[in-house]
Amino acid sequence: MVIVKKYGGTSVETPEKILKIAEKIALSKDEGNDVVVVVSAMGKTTNYLIDLLHKVNDEPSPREYDMIVSTGEQISIALLASALSKLGKKAISLTGFQAGIDTDSTHSRAKLKRVYRGTLRSILDEGKIPVVAGFQGISPSGEITTLGRGGSDTTAVAIAYALDADVCEIFTDVDGVYAADPRYVESPKHIDRISYDEMIEMAAHGAKVLHLRAVELARRYKVPLVVKHAHENGTGTKIEGMNDMEEPVVRALTVDENIVKIVVEGVPDEPGIAAKIFEKLASRHLALDMIVQSMHKEKKNDVAFTVANDDFSEAIQAIKEVKDEVKAENVHFDEEIAKVSIVGVNILGSSEIIHAMFSSIADVGANIDMISSSNSRISCLVPKNKIKEVAKSIARSFNLATNGYVNDD
């Protein structure tokens, strides 16, 4: 088999953990597999590097940001390749550039263009184990770029597709995907298998187990994905195509507290106003969510949307730049909100599920600020100080904890 194994930062945060991982990789190689390994930076190394950069410049250029944060993965790959060599395995560490990973020119959130399989295929044919730096690539002009936080997952999936791998294994600090975050719901149920579409919705709306772009890429090219615990034996979770004709079932809930709502108030109800607002946001390559336009008196509209906390300063600056052009009366933002979502195939088609979600939120006295949905997801904005109560109430309604029990403490 051709297997791509990706290890996250917590999996390689100490030399001891790196040695344990090396033993498991060596075992897989001994079983006759061709193995490619993708790793993230050790533990909190990326955060340390970002803090270090900000100590010398509060507003560093995106180029220098990518230059420094990309070094974290280089430490990991050198250590892991050395650990494998100690175990008698031929291993070689590769930066994104050396592995043939091409991206566009956007710093800090670059998009993959292609992976040249020739280099990796040649290394595998020599019986070696390539250990590739995740999260990074090279732009057309030869600049180091990074894919955004969590981008090592995307690197692994792209390599798996390029090599036509039998499976891409994502190793983390939990044994697969769970029906809820244990910080909000005690003892959530383990999910043995989940569809690409459901996993995309979870990743997009608060679940941290997988990078959104990685799952989107896996779905597009039908790359088999498995999420496993890095240091414990377990069944993990298979992410695959599933029959979308199945009955609507709520499979999971997600929570995202790292968002801000921005409202552009009192814009004229005229064609092209929304286009002008979102053109300015698009120019900054910002990810937006939960877009709602509501009409008020005198042909005035409010346009509201949410962004991630990390993108808030850029988003609000973009809106201020376009405020006068769209004749907005005011710009308002709210940081005291959180998003709760339920995920499951075809759930939007079930009025019973929709009613149960809204009733669960009402049962704890929380008001719904905004609602958005897709075929596989329903999301609501609620007050941040109510989010834990809301999550527990929804988990009860849809039996998402083991034995249906949710701790109220």
Foldseek 3Di string as FASTA:
>chain_A
DEEEEEEEQDQQQDLVSLLLLLVVVVVVVVVVYQYEYEYEFHDCVLVVQVVVVCVVPVDDDLLVNLVRSQVRLVVRQVSNCVSNVVVVAAEDEDEQARQQWEWADDAQATHTDAGDCPNVVVCSVVRYYYYYYFQWHAHPVGGIHGRHPQRRLQVRLRNCLNVVHPAYEYADADAADFQEDCVQWPFFHHAAEDELVLVLVQQVAADDQHHNNNSVSCVVRVHWYFYGHSNDDDNTHTYGHDPLVDDWAFRHKHKFLQKKKKKQWFFALDPPLVVLLVVLVVVVVFDKAQWDWDADPPRTIMIMIMGGNVCVVVSVVSCVVCNVVRVTPDMDMDSQKMKMKTFTRQPVVDPVLVVQLVVLCVVQPWDWDGWDDDRTMIMTITGNVCVSSSNQSNCLSRVRHVVSDGDPD
